[in-house]
């Protein structure tokens, strides 16, 4: 009986070390799981915020098209800041760099194929005039923002005089 107690006493330290190692492994796995879950939540929040901001920017583009008279080119004067879309979403519309200027992202005009007209006054080249705008959507809940650069064309415009065509 005495021999059995000595064996159990000798194994008491081994069992303690094994229990500590098992506890260390479980704590490490728990930390890993919480870290991965936190990353997934951050990625989901960022993705949701970007979708909400895209919807706000799209609302801004729709409003720009509704409020602007594209046939006369008055689109260039339309700007708005922080127009609400929902409880926490907003859009803004600003002017970009002039299309002809250095650093412009869009051309000043886009040619219209088949609109070259010749006659006694010479050849007239027709195209669509392009107005460059920046539309941004933002959301305060997700602390997200998205910026879109767009070009809106109107015409046809006689490029030799830069006047809209009759009825256009």
Foldseek 3Di string as FASTA:
>chain_A
DVVVVVVVVVCPVVVVVVVVVVVVVVVVVVVVVVVVVVVVVLVVLQVVQVVQFVVQLVVVVVVLVVVDDQQQPRSQVDWDPFDDDDPFKGKTKDFDDAQVDPPHPHHQWAFDPPPWDQDPVGTWTWTWGWGKMKMKMGGPVSRDMDIDIDIDTYARAGVVVRGHDVPD
